Amino acid sequence: MRVSASDGAFQVAVADTGIGISEADQAEILNEFYQADSSTTRAQGGTGLGLAIATRMVELHGGRLWIESVPGEGSTFLFSLPIRAEQNVVKKGGLA
């Protein structure tokens, strides 16, 4: 894991040495219920919601999540968040 800060945001990067993710799958893998390997012989279970939920949480906090990957070499999952959050005042009936 690597953490850095610059330009008013901090960035977290988590790398693996797995099989990597194809460019076509990188474009889809952050979507709900998408699985890069949906075959009946895949080794890992799951519904394909983890990255979609993580992406949504990061975006709700004003950030961005993305993937850098090379098939056969592994993947790096990154997100950035602003260091200073905007303050929202909650009033009856919703946000002000």
N, C-alpha and C. Protein backbone atom coordinates (compact mmCIF):
# COMPACT_ATOMS: atom_id res chain seq x y z
N MET A 1 0.85 -1.17 0.00
CA MET A 1 0.00 0.00 0.00
C MET A 1 0.90 1.23 0.00
N ARG A 2 0.43 2.26 -0.72
CA ARG A 2 1.17 3.52 -0.82
C ARG A 2 0.18 4.65 -0.60
N VAL A 3 0.56 5.64 0.21
CA VAL A 3 -0.29 6.80 0.48
C VAL A 3 0.54 8.05 0.21
N SER A 4 -0.07 9.01 -0.47
CA SER A 4 0.62 10.28 -0.74
C SER A 4 -0.40 11.41 -0.72
N ALA A 5 0.10 12.63 -0.66
CA ALA A 5 -0.76 13.81 -0.66
C ALA A 5 -0.16 14.87 -1.55
N SER A 6 -1.03 15.52 -2.35
CA SER A 6 -0.61 16.66 -3.16
C SER A 6 -1.84 17.33 -3.75
N ASP A 7 -1.72 18.60 -4.09
CA ASP A 7 -2.80 19.36 -4.73
C ASP A 7 -4.13 19.27 -3.97
N GLY A 8 -4.08 19.29 -2.64
CA GLY A 8 -5.29 19.31 -1.83
C GLY A 8 -6.02 17.98 -1.73
N ALA A 9 -5.36 16.89 -2.09
CA ALA A 9 -5.99 15.57 -2.00
C ALA A 9 -4.96 14.55 -1.52
N PHE A 10 -5.45 13.47 -0.95
CA PHE A 10 -4.54 12.37 -0.65
C PHE A 10 -4.94 11.20 -1.52
N GLN A 11 -3.97 10.38 -1.83
CA GLN A 11 -4.18 9.24 -2.72
C GLN A 11 -3.70 7.97 -2.04
N VAL A 12 -4.48 6.91 -2.16
CA VAL A 12 -4.13 5.60 -1.63
C VAL A 12 -4.05 4.64 -2.81
N ALA A 13 -3.00 3.83 -2.85
CA ALA A 13 -2.82 2.83 -3.90
C ALA A 13 -2.55 1.48 -3.25
N VAL A 14 -3.28 0.47 -3.69
CA VAL A 14 -3.08 -0.89 -3.20
C VAL A 14 -2.80 -1.77 -4.42
N ALA A 15 -1.66 -2.44 -4.41
CA ALA A 15 -1.24 -3.24 -5.56
C ALA A 15 -1.28 -4.73 -5.23
N ASP A 16 -1.52 -5.53 -6.26
CA ASP A 16 -1.43 -6.98 -6.11
C ASP A 16 -0.57 -7.53 -7.25
N THR A 17 -0.19 -8.77 -7.14
CA THR A 17 0.60 -9.42 -8.17
C THR A 17 -0.20 -10.54 -8.81
N GLY A 18 -1.51 -10.33 -8.92
CA GLY A 18 -2.40 -11.34 -9.48
C GLY A 18 -2.31 -11.42 -10.99
N ILE A 19 -3.39 -11.89 -11.59
CA ILE A 19 -3.40 -12.15 -13.04
C ILE A 19 -3.60 -10.89 -13.86
N GLY A 20 -3.95 -9.79 -13.21
CA GLY A 20 -4.20 -8.54 -13.92
C GLY A 20 -5.61 -8.50 -14.48
N ILE A 21 -5.98 -7.36 -15.03
CA ILE A 21 -7.32 -7.14 -15.56
C ILE A 21 -7.18 -6.56 -16.96
N SER A 22 -7.88 -7.15 -17.91
CA SER A 22 -7.80 -6.67 -19.29
C SER A 22 -8.34 -5.25 -19.39
N GLU A 23 -7.95 -4.54 -20.44
CA GLU A 23 -8.42 -3.18 -20.64
C GLU A 23 -9.95 -3.12 -20.76
N ALA A 24 -10.53 -4.09 -21.45
CA ALA A 24 -11.99 -4.14 -21.61
C ALA A 24 -12.67 -4.32 -20.26
N ASP A 25 -12.13 -5.20 -19.41
CA ASP A 25 -12.72 -5.41 -18.09
C ASP A 25 -12.50 -4.22 -17.17
N GLN A 26 -11.38 -3.50 -17.32
CA GLN A 26 -11.13 -2.32 -16.50
C GLN A 26 -12.22 -1.27 -16.71
N ALA A 27 -12.73 -1.19 -17.93
CA ALA A 27 -13.78 -0.21 -18.23
C ALA A 27 -15.10 -0.57 -17.58
N GLU A 28 -15.28 -1.84 -17.21
CA GLU A 28 -16.56 -2.31 -16.67
C GLU A 28 -16.53 -2.72 -15.21
N ILE A 29 -15.37 -3.05 -14.69
CA ILE A 29 -15.28 -3.72 -13.39
C ILE A 29 -15.79 -2.88 -12.21
N LEU A 30 -15.88 -1.57 -12.37
CA LEU A 30 -16.39 -0.73 -11.28
C LEU A 30 -17.92 -0.65 -11.30
N ASN A 31 -18.56 -1.25 -12.29
CA ASN A 31 -20.03 -1.26 -12.38
C ASN A 31 -20.62 -2.36 -11.50
N GLU A 32 -21.82 -2.13 -11.01
CA GLU A 32 -22.49 -3.10 -10.15
C GLU A 32 -22.71 -4.43 -10.88
N PHE A 33 -22.47 -5.51 -10.18
CA PHE A 33 -22.72 -6.89 -10.59
C PHE A 33 -21.83 -7.36 -11.74
N TYR A 34 -20.84 -6.57 -12.14
CA TYR A 34 -19.94 -7.00 -13.21
C TYR A 34 -18.84 -7.87 -12.61
N GLN A 35 -18.55 -8.99 -13.25
CA GLN A 35 -17.45 -9.85 -12.83
C GLN A 35 -16.58 -10.14 -14.04
N ALA A 36 -15.30 -9.96 -13.89
CA ALA A 36 -14.38 -10.19 -15.00
C ALA A 36 -14.40 -11.66 -15.42
N ASP A 37 -14.55 -12.56 -14.46
CA ASP A 37 -14.62 -13.99 -14.76
C ASP A 37 -15.97 -14.49 -14.26
N SER A 38 -16.92 -14.63 -15.17
CA SER A 38 -18.25 -15.08 -14.76
C SER A 38 -18.48 -16.54 -15.11
N SER A 39 -17.42 -17.28 -15.42
CA SER A 39 -17.56 -18.69 -15.77
C SER A 39 -17.94 -19.51 -14.55
N THR A 40 -18.47 -20.69 -14.79
CA THR A 40 -18.87 -21.56 -13.68
C THR A 40 -17.67 -22.19 -13.00
N THR A 41 -16.48 -22.06 -13.57
CA THR A 41 -15.28 -22.65 -12.97
C THR A 41 -14.40 -21.63 -12.27
N ARG A 42 -14.88 -20.40 -12.11
CA ARG A 42 -14.06 -19.38 -11.47
C ARG A 42 -13.75 -19.77 -10.04
N ALA A 43 -12.59 -19.39 -9.58
CA ALA A 43 -12.10 -19.81 -8.26
C ALA A 43 -12.69 -18.99 -7.12
N GLN A 44 -13.09 -17.74 -7.37
CA GLN A 44 -13.57 -16.86 -6.31
C GLN A 44 -15.06 -16.60 -6.45
N GLY A 45 -15.76 -16.54 -5.32
CA GLY A 45 -17.18 -16.22 -5.32
C GLY A 45 -17.39 -14.73 -5.22
N GLY A 46 -18.63 -14.32 -5.12
CA GLY A 46 -18.94 -12.91 -4.97
C GLY A 46 -20.00 -12.47 -5.96
N THR A 47 -20.54 -11.28 -5.72
CA THR A 47 -21.62 -10.78 -6.55
C THR A 47 -21.19 -9.65 -7.47
N GLY A 48 -19.96 -9.18 -7.34
CA GLY A 48 -19.50 -8.07 -8.16
C GLY A 48 -19.98 -6.73 -7.64
N LEU A 49 -20.16 -6.60 -6.35
CA LEU A 49 -20.61 -5.34 -5.76
C LEU A 49 -19.52 -4.57 -5.02
N GLY A 50 -18.47 -5.23 -4.60
CA GLY A 50 -17.45 -4.59 -3.76
C GLY A 50 -16.84 -3.34 -4.36
N LEU A 51 -16.36 -3.42 -5.59
CA LEU A 51 -15.74 -2.25 -6.21
C LEU A 51 -16.76 -1.17 -6.53
N ALA A 52 -17.99 -1.58 -6.89
CA ALA A 52 -19.04 -0.59 -7.17
C ALA A 52 -19.39 0.18 -5.90
N ILE A 53 -19.47 -0.51 -4.77
CA ILE A 53 -19.77 0.16 -3.50
C ILE A 53 -18.62 1.08 -3.11
N ALA A 54 -17.38 0.58 -3.23
CA ALA A 54 -16.21 1.40 -2.90
C ALA A 54 -16.16 2.65 -3.78
N THR A 55 -16.43 2.49 -5.07
CA THR A 55 -16.43 3.63 -5.98
C THR A 55 -17.47 4.66 -5.56
N ARG A 56 -18.66 4.20 -5.25
CA ARG A 56 -19.74 5.10 -4.84
C ARG A 56 -19.39 5.85 -3.56
N MET A 57 -18.82 5.16 -2.58
CA MET A 57 -18.44 5.79 -1.32
C MET A 57 -17.37 6.87 -1.55
N VAL A 58 -16.38 6.55 -2.36
CA VAL A 58 -15.32 7.52 -2.65
C VAL A 58 -15.92 8.73 -3.37
N GLU A 59 -16.79 8.50 -4.36
CA GLU A 59 -17.40 9.61 -5.10
C GLU A 59 -18.28 10.47 -4.21
N LEU A 60 -18.99 9.86 -3.26
CA LEU A 60 -19.83 10.63 -2.33
C LEU A 60 -18.99 11.56 -1.45
N HIS A 61 -17.73 11.24 -1.28
CA HIS A 61 -16.83 12.07 -0.49
C HIS A 61 -16.00 13.00 -1.38
N GLY A 62 -16.39 13.13 -2.64
CA GLY A 62 -15.71 14.05 -3.54
C GLY A 62 -14.46 13.52 -4.18
N GLY A 63 -14.27 12.21 -4.16
CA GLY A 63 -13.05 11.61 -4.70
C GLY A 63 -13.28 10.80 -5.96
N ARG A 64 -12.29 10.01 -6.27
CA ARG A 64 -12.31 9.20 -7.49
C ARG A 64 -11.58 7.89 -7.21
N LEU A 65 -12.07 6.79 -7.79
CA LEU A 65 -11.43 5.48 -7.68
C LEU A 65 -11.16 4.98 -9.09
N TRP A 66 -9.98 4.40 -9.31
CA TRP A 66 -9.65 3.86 -10.62
C TRP A 66 -8.67 2.70 -10.49
N ILE A 67 -8.46 2.02 -11.61
CA ILE A 67 -7.62 0.83 -11.65
C ILE A 67 -6.55 1.02 -12.72
N GLU A 68 -5.33 0.59 -12.39
CA GLU A 68 -4.25 0.50 -13.36
C GLU A 68 -3.81 -0.96 -13.35
N SER A 69 -3.84 -1.61 -14.52
CA SER A 69 -3.55 -3.03 -14.55
C SER A 69 -2.96 -3.45 -15.88
N VAL A 70 -2.11 -4.46 -15.82
CA VAL A 70 -1.55 -5.09 -17.00
C VAL A 70 -1.78 -6.59 -16.85
N PRO A 71 -2.52 -7.20 -17.79
CA PRO A 71 -2.74 -8.65 -17.69
C PRO A 71 -1.42 -9.40 -17.57
N GLY A 72 -1.39 -10.33 -16.62
CA GLY A 72 -0.19 -11.11 -16.37
C GLY A 72 0.79 -10.47 -15.40
N GLU A 73 0.55 -9.21 -15.03
CA GLU A 73 1.49 -8.51 -14.15
C GLU A 73 0.86 -8.01 -12.85
N GLY A 74 -0.45 -8.03 -12.74
CA GLY A 74 -1.10 -7.56 -11.52
C GLY A 74 -1.87 -6.27 -11.72
N SER A 75 -2.44 -5.77 -10.64
CA SER A 75 -3.29 -4.58 -10.69
C SER A 75 -2.97 -3.66 -9.53
N THR A 76 -3.24 -2.39 -9.74
CA THR A 76 -3.17 -1.40 -8.67
C THR A 76 -4.51 -0.70 -8.62
N PHE A 77 -5.13 -0.71 -7.45
CA PHE A 77 -6.40 -0.04 -7.22
C PHE A 77 -6.09 1.24 -6.46
N LEU A 78 -6.56 2.37 -6.99
CA LEU A 78 -6.22 3.67 -6.42
C LEU A 78 -7.49 4.47 -6.14
N PHE A 79 -7.41 5.30 -5.11
CA PHE A 79 -8.47 6.29 -4.91
C PHE A 79 -7.86 7.55 -4.35
N SER A 80 -8.50 8.66 -4.65
CA SER A 80 -8.07 9.94 -4.10
C SER A 80 -9.28 10.62 -3.47
N LEU A 81 -9.01 11.34 -2.40
CA LEU A 81 -10.05 12.09 -1.68
C LEU A 81 -9.52 13.47 -1.36
N PRO A 82 -10.39 14.48 -1.40
CA PRO A 82 -9.93 15.82 -1.01
C PRO A 82 -9.56 15.83 0.47
N ILE A 83 -8.51 16.58 0.78
CA ILE A 83 -8.08 16.68 2.18
C ILE A 83 -9.09 17.47 2.99
N ARG A 84 -9.64 18.52 2.41
CA ARG A 84 -10.64 19.34 3.11
C ARG A 84 -12.01 19.00 2.55
N ALA A 85 -12.89 18.57 3.42
CA ALA A 85 -14.26 18.25 3.00
C ALA A 85 -15.13 19.48 3.10
N GLU A 86 -16.09 19.59 2.20
CA GLU A 86 -17.07 20.67 2.29
C GLU A 86 -18.08 20.29 3.35
N GLN A 87 -18.50 21.26 4.11
CA GLN A 87 -19.45 21.01 5.18
C GLN A 87 -20.86 21.24 4.65
N ASN A 88 -21.72 20.25 4.78
CA ASN A 88 -23.12 20.36 4.42
C ASN A 88 -23.94 20.49 5.69
N VAL A 89 -24.86 21.43 5.71
CA VAL A 89 -25.73 21.62 6.85
C VAL A 89 -27.00 20.84 6.58
N VAL A 90 -27.36 19.97 7.51
CA VAL A 90 -28.56 19.15 7.35
C VAL A 90 -29.73 19.88 8.00
N LYS A 91 -30.76 20.12 7.21
CA LYS A 91 -31.99 20.73 7.71
C LYS A 91 -33.11 19.72 7.56
N LYS A 92 -34.19 19.95 8.23
CA LYS A 92 -35.34 19.09 8.12
C LYS A 92 -35.73 18.97 6.64
N GLY A 93 -35.83 17.74 6.18
CA GLY A 93 -36.21 17.52 4.79
C GLY A 93 -35.04 17.32 3.85
N GLY A 94 -33.79 17.40 4.33
CA GLY A 94 -32.65 17.15 3.46
C GLY A 94 -31.51 18.11 3.65
N LEU A 95 -30.59 18.11 2.71
CA LEU A 95 -29.41 18.96 2.79
C LEU A 95 -29.73 20.38 2.37
N ALA A 96 -29.06 21.32 2.97
CA ALA A 96 -29.24 22.72 2.61
C ALA A 96 -28.36 23.09 1.46
